[in-house]
Amino acid sequence: MQSAMQLLAERMLGDVCDAEDVVQDVFVTLWERREELDKVVRIESYCMQMVRMRCIDLIRKRKRQMEHVETIRNLSDEEVMMEVEEMQDRSALLDKLMMELPERQRKAVRMRYIDECDTRQIEKALQMSSSNVYTTLSRAVQTLKDKLNNLKI
């Protein structure tokens, strides 16, 4: 089964190293979900679907990164420096607003959007149910949006 997963990932990504990383990540996720796997009827299909979805996520991430790089390439040196300064300002503002969130919301947002943890990892780290993680993240993001909108007025 691992070779089929590897082959699928290589075909989708066009890179052996990235494919190995995706397959390894899927196996880690399977290990973390091992108690729930007895409910899965066709484990091979389940694994292949996980590989497929992780590859799609990686392809989308690469596309966003390439679009950003292409945008920066088309800017003059002065525009790049202005962009960097603006990004630093936005980052500092976001850090300040994050510090105003309740601790649990702050940790959940940091894990999800900065550390790129999945919901299961957040559940374990913060000892929360899946629905509580979603609710916490939703409330935190809404609070951040509201605060950002209030600053623009």
Protein backbone atom coordinates (compact mmCIF):
# COMPACT_ATOMS: atom_id res chain seq x y z
CA MET A 1 0.00 0.00 0.00
CA GLN A 2 2.86 2.41 0.77
CA SER A 3 4.25 2.07 -2.74
CA ALA A 4 0.85 2.87 -4.27
CA MET A 5 0.55 5.92 -1.99
CA GLN A 6 4.08 6.98 -2.93
CA LEU A 7 3.39 6.55 -6.64
CA LEU A 8 0.18 8.59 -6.46
CA ALA A 9 1.93 11.40 -4.60
CA GLU A 10 4.85 11.40 -7.05
CA ARG A 11 2.48 11.62 -10.01
CA MET A 12 0.53 14.47 -8.49
CA LEU A 13 3.51 16.45 -7.19
CA GLY A 14 6.21 15.57 -9.68
CA ASP A 15 8.80 15.40 -6.90
CA VAL A 16 10.03 12.31 -5.05
CA CYS A 17 11.03 14.14 -1.86
CA ASP A 18 7.72 15.97 -1.54
CA ALA A 19 5.89 12.71 -2.23
CA GLU A 20 7.81 10.98 0.55
CA ASP A 21 6.95 13.81 2.93
CA VAL A 22 3.25 13.57 2.06
CA VAL A 23 3.16 9.80 2.53
CA GLN A 24 5.04 10.09 5.83
CA ASP A 25 2.59 12.77 6.98
CA VAL A 26 -0.34 10.51 6.09
CA PHE A 27 1.17 7.64 8.11
CA VAL A 28 1.64 9.94 11.09
CA THR A 29 -2.00 10.99 10.83
CA LEU A 30 -3.09 7.36 10.54
CA TRP A 31 -1.09 6.54 13.65
CA GLU A 32 -2.70 9.41 15.54
CA ARG A 33 -6.15 8.17 14.45
CA ARG A 34 -5.42 4.48 14.98
CA GLU A 35 -8.29 3.98 17.46
CA GLU A 36 -10.80 5.25 14.90
CA LEU A 37 -9.55 3.24 11.92
CA ASP A 38 -11.64 0.18 12.76
CA LYS A 39 -14.66 2.19 11.56
CA VAL A 40 -13.10 2.62 8.09
CA VAL A 41 -14.51 0.07 5.65
CA ARG A 42 -11.88 0.34 2.90
CA ILE A 43 -8.61 1.41 4.51
CA GLU A 44 -6.71 1.43 1.19
CA SER A 45 -9.15 3.88 -0.38
CA TYR A 46 -9.12 5.96 2.77
CA CYS A 47 -5.31 6.18 2.68
CA MET A 48 -5.22 7.01 -1.01
CA GLN A 49 -7.81 9.74 -0.50
CA MET A 50 -5.72 11.19 2.32
CA VAL A 51 -2.66 11.24 0.05
CA ARG A 52 -4.69 12.86 -2.73
CA MET A 53 -6.01 15.59 -0.43
CA ARG A 54 -2.58 16.32 1.08
CA CYS A 55 -1.11 16.62 -2.40
CA ILE A 56 -3.85 19.03 -3.45
CA ASP A 57 -3.20 21.12 -0.34
CA LEU A 58 0.52 21.22 -1.13
CA ILE A 59 -0.10 22.13 -4.77
CA ARG A 60 -2.41 24.98 -3.72
CA LYS A 61 0.14 26.22 -1.21
CA ARG A 62 2.87 26.18 -3.87
CA LYS A 63 0.62 28.07 -6.27
CA ARG A 64 -0.04 30.82 -3.71
CA GLN A 65 3.69 31.07 -2.99
CA MET A 66 4.56 31.28 -6.69
CA GLU A 67 1.93 33.98 -7.27
CA HIS A 68 3.42 35.97 -4.41
CA VAL A 69 6.96 35.53 -5.75
CA GLU A 70 5.84 36.59 -9.22
CA THR A 71 4.18 39.69 -7.81
CA ILE A 72 7.36 40.65 -5.98
CA ARG A 73 9.49 40.05 -9.10
CA ASN A 74 7.44 42.64 -10.96
CA LEU A 75 8.03 45.33 -8.34
CA SER A 76 10.86 47.83 -8.27
CA ASP A 77 13.39 47.74 -5.42
CA GLU A 78 11.68 50.67 -3.75
CA GLU A 79 8.27 48.98 -4.03
CA VAL A 80 9.69 45.77 -2.56
CA MET A 81 11.07 47.66 0.43
CA MET A 82 7.71 49.38 0.92
CA GLU A 83 5.99 46.01 0.72
CA VAL A 84 8.36 44.54 3.32
CA GLU A 85 7.78 47.47 5.67
CA GLU A 86 4.03 47.17 5.21
CA MET A 87 4.15 43.42 5.94
CA GLN A 88 6.19 44.07 9.09
CA ASP A 89 3.67 46.69 10.21
CA ARG A 90 0.76 44.30 9.59
CA SER A 91 2.58 41.52 11.42
CA ALA A 92 3.23 43.75 14.44
CA LEU A 93 -0.40 44.87 14.48
CA LEU A 94 -1.64 41.30 14.24
CA ASP A 95 0.70 40.23 17.07
CA LYS A 96 -0.68 43.06 19.21
CA LEU A 97 -4.28 42.09 18.46
CA MET A 98 -3.52 38.42 19.11
CA MET A 99 -2.20 39.28 22.56
CA GLU A 100 -5.60 40.79 23.34
CA LEU A 101 -7.37 37.47 22.66
CA PRO A 102 -8.15 35.10 25.53
CA GLU A 103 -5.29 32.64 26.06
CA ARG A 104 -7.09 29.60 24.65
CA GLN A 105 -8.13 31.45 21.50
CA ARG A 106 -4.63 32.86 21.06
CA LYS A 107 -3.05 29.41 21.37
CA ALA A 108 -5.55 27.85 18.98
CA VAL A 109 -5.02 30.56 16.34
CA ARG A 110 -1.25 30.36 16.66
CA MET A 111 -1.27 26.57 16.32
CA ARG A 112 -3.65 26.55 13.36
CA TYR A 113 -2.49 29.48 11.28
CA ILE A 114 1.14 30.01 12.26
CA ASP A 115 2.34 26.53 13.21
CA GLU A 116 -0.04 24.96 10.64
CA CYS A 117 -1.28 22.28 13.03
CA ASP A 118 -4.35 20.29 12.14
CA THR A 119 -7.46 20.12 14.29
CA ARG A 120 -6.44 16.86 15.97
CA GLN A 121 -3.14 18.33 17.11
CA ILE A 122 -4.92 21.34 18.54
CA GLU A 123 -7.47 19.09 20.26
CA LYS A 124 -4.69 17.16 21.98
CA ALA A 125 -2.57 20.15 22.91
CA LEU A 126 -5.43 22.21 24.30
CA GLN A 127 -7.48 19.23 25.54
CA MET A 128 -10.57 20.30 23.63
CA SER A 129 -13.15 18.49 21.55
CA SER A 130 -13.21 18.95 17.79
CA SER A 131 -16.31 21.16 17.93
CA ASN A 132 -14.73 23.31 20.65
CA VAL A 133 -11.63 23.80 18.49
CA TYR A 134 -13.77 24.99 15.57
CA THR A 135 -15.82 27.26 17.83
CA THR A 136 -12.72 28.70 19.49
CA LEU A 137 -11.03 29.38 16.15
CA SER A 138 -14.19 30.88 14.69
CA ARG A 139 -14.64 33.24 17.63
CA ALA A 140 -10.98 34.24 17.61
CA VAL A 141 -10.96 34.98 13.88
CA GLN A 142 -14.20 36.95 14.15
CA THR A 143 -12.76 38.98 17.05
CA LEU A 144 -9.61 39.73 15.04
CA LYS A 145 -11.70 40.77 12.01
CA ASP A 146 -13.84 43.05 14.15
CA LYS A 147 -10.80 44.69 15.73
CA LEU A 148 -9.17 45.21 12.34
CA ASN A 149 -12.35 46.72 10.92
CA ASN A 150 -12.63 49.08 13.90
CA LEU A 151 -9.06 50.28 13.31
CA LYS A 152 -9.82 51.25 9.71
CA ILE A 153 -12.64 53.60 10.75
